[in-house]
N, C-alpha and C. Protein backbone atom coordinates (compact mmCIF):
# COMPACT_ATOMS: atom_id res chain seq x y z
N MET A 1 -33.73 82.05 -57.69
CA MET A 1 -33.22 81.57 -56.43
C MET A 1 -32.21 80.47 -56.66
N LYS A 2 -31.18 80.51 -55.87
CA LYS A 2 -30.16 79.47 -55.97
C LYS A 2 -30.65 78.20 -55.29
N LYS A 3 -30.48 77.08 -55.93
CA LYS A 3 -30.90 75.79 -55.39
C LYS A 3 -29.94 75.36 -54.29
N ILE A 4 -30.51 74.91 -53.19
CA ILE A 4 -29.71 74.39 -52.08
C ILE A 4 -29.71 72.88 -52.20
N ASP A 5 -28.55 72.29 -52.50
CA ASP A 5 -28.47 70.84 -52.65
C ASP A 5 -28.26 70.15 -51.31
N HIS A 6 -27.39 70.69 -50.51
CA HIS A 6 -27.11 70.09 -49.21
C HIS A 6 -26.78 71.22 -48.25
N LEU A 7 -27.39 71.18 -47.10
CA LEU A 7 -27.19 72.23 -46.13
C LEU A 7 -27.03 71.59 -44.76
N SER A 8 -25.93 71.87 -44.09
CA SER A 8 -25.75 71.32 -42.75
C SER A 8 -26.79 71.94 -41.82
N ILE A 9 -27.04 71.26 -40.74
CA ILE A 9 -28.02 71.76 -39.78
C ILE A 9 -27.60 73.13 -39.24
N GLU A 10 -26.31 73.34 -39.07
CA GLU A 10 -25.83 74.63 -38.58
C GLU A 10 -26.10 75.74 -39.59
N LEU A 11 -25.82 75.47 -40.85
CA LEU A 11 -26.08 76.48 -41.88
C LEU A 11 -27.57 76.71 -42.08
N LEU A 12 -28.36 75.67 -41.94
CA LEU A 12 -29.81 75.81 -42.05
C LEU A 12 -30.31 76.80 -41.00
N TRP A 13 -29.93 76.58 -39.75
CA TRP A 13 -30.41 77.46 -38.68
C TRP A 13 -29.77 78.83 -38.76
N ASP A 14 -28.51 78.92 -39.17
CA ASP A 14 -27.90 80.23 -39.37
C ASP A 14 -28.68 81.04 -40.40
N SER A 15 -29.10 80.39 -41.46
CA SER A 15 -29.87 81.08 -42.51
C SER A 15 -31.26 81.46 -42.00
N LEU A 16 -31.92 80.52 -41.36
CA LEU A 16 -33.28 80.80 -40.90
C LEU A 16 -33.32 81.87 -39.81
N LEU A 17 -32.34 81.88 -38.93
CA LEU A 17 -32.33 82.84 -37.82
C LEU A 17 -31.54 84.11 -38.14
N SER A 18 -31.22 84.29 -39.40
CA SER A 18 -30.38 85.42 -39.83
C SER A 18 -31.06 86.78 -39.74
N ARG A 19 -32.38 86.79 -39.68
CA ARG A 19 -33.18 88.02 -39.72
C ARG A 19 -33.12 88.71 -41.08
N GLU A 20 -32.66 87.97 -42.09
CA GLU A 20 -32.60 88.47 -43.46
C GLU A 20 -33.75 87.82 -44.23
N PRO A 21 -34.82 88.57 -44.49
CA PRO A 21 -36.02 87.98 -45.10
C PRO A 21 -35.76 87.16 -46.36
N GLU A 22 -34.95 87.63 -47.26
CA GLU A 22 -34.72 86.87 -48.50
C GLU A 22 -33.98 85.57 -48.24
N LYS A 23 -33.04 85.60 -47.32
CA LYS A 23 -32.30 84.38 -46.97
C LYS A 23 -33.24 83.39 -46.29
N ILE A 24 -34.10 83.88 -45.42
CA ILE A 24 -35.07 83.02 -44.73
C ILE A 24 -36.02 82.39 -45.73
N LYS A 25 -36.57 83.21 -46.64
CA LYS A 25 -37.51 82.70 -47.64
C LYS A 25 -36.85 81.66 -48.54
N SER A 26 -35.65 81.93 -48.98
CA SER A 26 -34.95 81.01 -49.86
C SER A 26 -34.69 79.68 -49.17
N THR A 27 -34.23 79.74 -47.94
CA THR A 27 -33.94 78.52 -47.19
C THR A 27 -35.22 77.73 -46.95
N PHE A 28 -36.27 78.39 -46.50
CA PHE A 28 -37.53 77.71 -46.21
C PHE A 28 -38.13 77.11 -47.48
N HIS A 29 -38.01 77.83 -48.57
CA HIS A 29 -38.55 77.37 -49.86
C HIS A 29 -37.96 76.03 -50.28
N HIS A 30 -36.71 75.79 -49.94
CA HIS A 30 -36.02 74.58 -50.39
C HIS A 30 -36.21 73.38 -49.45
N LEU A 31 -36.99 73.57 -48.40
CA LEU A 31 -37.27 72.45 -47.50
C LEU A 31 -38.50 71.69 -48.00
N ASN A 32 -38.53 70.39 -47.74
CA ASN A 32 -39.73 69.64 -48.09
C ASN A 32 -40.78 69.86 -46.99
N GLN A 33 -41.99 69.36 -47.21
CA GLN A 33 -43.10 69.63 -46.28
C GLN A 33 -42.80 69.11 -44.88
N SER A 34 -42.21 67.95 -44.77
CA SER A 34 -41.87 67.39 -43.47
C SER A 34 -40.84 68.27 -42.74
N GLU A 35 -39.84 68.72 -43.47
CA GLU A 35 -38.82 69.60 -42.88
C GLU A 35 -39.42 70.93 -42.47
N ARG A 36 -40.31 71.46 -43.30
CA ARG A 36 -40.97 72.73 -42.95
C ARG A 36 -41.76 72.60 -41.66
N SER A 37 -42.48 71.52 -41.53
CA SER A 37 -43.27 71.29 -40.31
C SER A 37 -42.37 71.19 -39.08
N ALA A 38 -41.27 70.48 -39.22
CA ALA A 38 -40.33 70.33 -38.10
C ALA A 38 -39.72 71.68 -37.72
N VAL A 39 -39.37 72.49 -38.72
CA VAL A 39 -38.80 73.81 -38.47
C VAL A 39 -39.82 74.69 -37.73
N ILE A 40 -41.05 74.71 -38.21
CA ILE A 40 -42.08 75.53 -37.58
C ILE A 40 -42.34 75.08 -36.15
N GLU A 41 -42.39 73.78 -35.94
CA GLU A 41 -42.58 73.25 -34.58
C GLU A 41 -41.45 73.69 -33.66
N HIS A 42 -40.23 73.60 -34.15
CA HIS A 42 -39.07 73.99 -33.34
C HIS A 42 -39.09 75.50 -33.05
N LEU A 43 -39.40 76.29 -34.06
CA LEU A 43 -39.47 77.74 -33.87
C LEU A 43 -40.53 78.10 -32.84
N ASN A 44 -41.67 77.43 -32.88
CA ASN A 44 -42.72 77.68 -31.89
C ASN A 44 -42.25 77.35 -30.49
N ARG A 45 -41.50 76.25 -30.36
CA ARG A 45 -40.94 75.91 -29.04
C ARG A 45 -39.95 76.97 -28.58
N MET A 46 -39.15 77.46 -29.51
CA MET A 46 -38.17 78.49 -29.16
C MET A 46 -38.85 79.74 -28.60
N THR A 47 -40.01 80.06 -29.13
CA THR A 47 -40.69 81.28 -28.69
C THR A 47 -41.46 81.11 -27.39
N THR A 48 -41.73 79.86 -26.99
CA THR A 48 -42.57 79.65 -25.81
C THR A 48 -41.87 78.99 -24.64
N GLU A 49 -40.79 78.27 -24.90
CA GLU A 49 -40.12 77.54 -23.82
C GLU A 49 -39.06 78.40 -23.14
N ASP A 50 -38.83 78.10 -21.88
CA ASP A 50 -37.73 78.73 -21.15
C ASP A 50 -36.40 78.17 -21.65
N GLY A 51 -35.33 78.90 -21.39
CA GLY A 51 -33.99 78.42 -21.70
C GLY A 51 -33.40 78.97 -22.98
N TRP A 52 -34.21 79.68 -23.75
CA TRP A 52 -33.70 80.28 -24.98
C TRP A 52 -33.30 81.72 -24.70
N HIS A 53 -32.21 82.14 -25.28
CA HIS A 53 -31.75 83.51 -25.15
C HIS A 53 -32.80 84.44 -25.76
N PRO A 54 -33.02 85.62 -25.18
CA PRO A 54 -34.01 86.55 -25.74
C PRO A 54 -33.81 86.86 -27.22
N GLU A 55 -32.56 86.96 -27.66
CA GLU A 55 -32.31 87.23 -29.08
C GLU A 55 -32.69 86.04 -29.95
N GLN A 56 -32.52 84.83 -29.43
CA GLN A 56 -32.96 83.64 -30.17
C GLN A 56 -34.48 83.64 -30.30
N LYS A 57 -35.16 84.00 -29.22
CA LYS A 57 -36.62 84.08 -29.26
C LYS A 57 -37.07 85.13 -30.27
N ASN A 58 -36.43 86.28 -30.27
CA ASN A 58 -36.78 87.34 -31.22
C ASN A 58 -36.55 86.88 -32.66
N SER A 59 -35.44 86.22 -32.90
CA SER A 59 -35.16 85.72 -34.25
C SER A 59 -36.20 84.69 -34.67
N ALA A 60 -36.57 83.81 -33.75
CA ALA A 60 -37.58 82.80 -34.06
C ALA A 60 -38.92 83.45 -34.40
N LEU A 61 -39.29 84.48 -33.66
CA LEU A 61 -40.54 85.20 -33.95
C LEU A 61 -40.51 85.83 -35.33
N ILE A 62 -39.38 86.42 -35.69
CA ILE A 62 -39.24 87.03 -37.02
C ILE A 62 -39.41 85.98 -38.10
N VAL A 63 -38.77 84.83 -37.92
CA VAL A 63 -38.87 83.75 -38.92
C VAL A 63 -40.32 83.30 -39.04
N LEU A 64 -41.00 83.11 -37.93
CA LEU A 64 -42.39 82.67 -37.98
C LEU A 64 -43.27 83.69 -38.70
N GLN A 65 -43.02 84.97 -38.48
CA GLN A 65 -43.79 86.01 -39.17
C GLN A 65 -43.54 85.96 -40.67
N ILE A 66 -42.30 85.78 -41.06
CA ILE A 66 -41.97 85.71 -42.49
C ILE A 66 -42.59 84.47 -43.12
N ILE A 67 -42.52 83.35 -42.43
CA ILE A 67 -43.10 82.11 -42.94
C ILE A 67 -44.62 82.26 -43.08
N GLU A 68 -45.24 82.89 -42.09
CA GLU A 68 -46.69 83.09 -42.14
C GLU A 68 -47.08 83.93 -43.36
N LYS A 69 -46.36 85.01 -43.60
CA LYS A 69 -46.63 85.85 -44.77
C LYS A 69 -46.38 85.07 -46.06
N LEU A 70 -45.33 84.29 -46.07
CA LEU A 70 -44.97 83.51 -47.24
C LEU A 70 -46.05 82.47 -47.56
N THR A 71 -46.50 81.77 -46.55
CA THR A 71 -47.50 80.73 -46.79
C THR A 71 -48.87 81.32 -47.09
N LYS A 72 -49.21 82.45 -46.50
CA LYS A 72 -50.47 83.12 -46.83
C LYS A 72 -50.45 83.62 -48.25
N GLY A 73 -49.30 84.14 -48.68
CA GLY A 73 -49.16 84.63 -50.05
C GLY A 73 -49.33 83.52 -51.07
N ASN A 74 -48.82 82.33 -50.75
CA ASN A 74 -48.95 81.18 -51.65
C ASN A 74 -50.37 80.68 -51.73
N LYS A 75 -51.14 80.79 -50.64
CA LYS A 75 -52.53 80.33 -50.63
C LYS A 75 -53.42 81.26 -51.45
N GLN A 76 -53.05 82.54 -51.54
CA GLN A 76 -53.87 83.51 -52.26
C GLN A 76 -53.68 83.43 -53.76
N LYS A 77 -52.64 82.75 -54.21
CA LYS A 77 -52.35 82.67 -55.65
C LYS A 77 -53.26 81.68 -56.34
């Protein structure tokens, strides 16, 4: 995996909401625990709050599913 040294907030969300599993995993992997928690919290809000475009909600759900699989896989190792 390529190391991400600096990522603008726009590129971070573009990568996470890309619907590309490998890009999502790589981006999430390079976040620290605090950043991961903030991302998950924001994604959960995106899926439950009004005001988000349906495609944004769908993308957020996909990311949450990928993160859940990723974190479950790490716990089983």
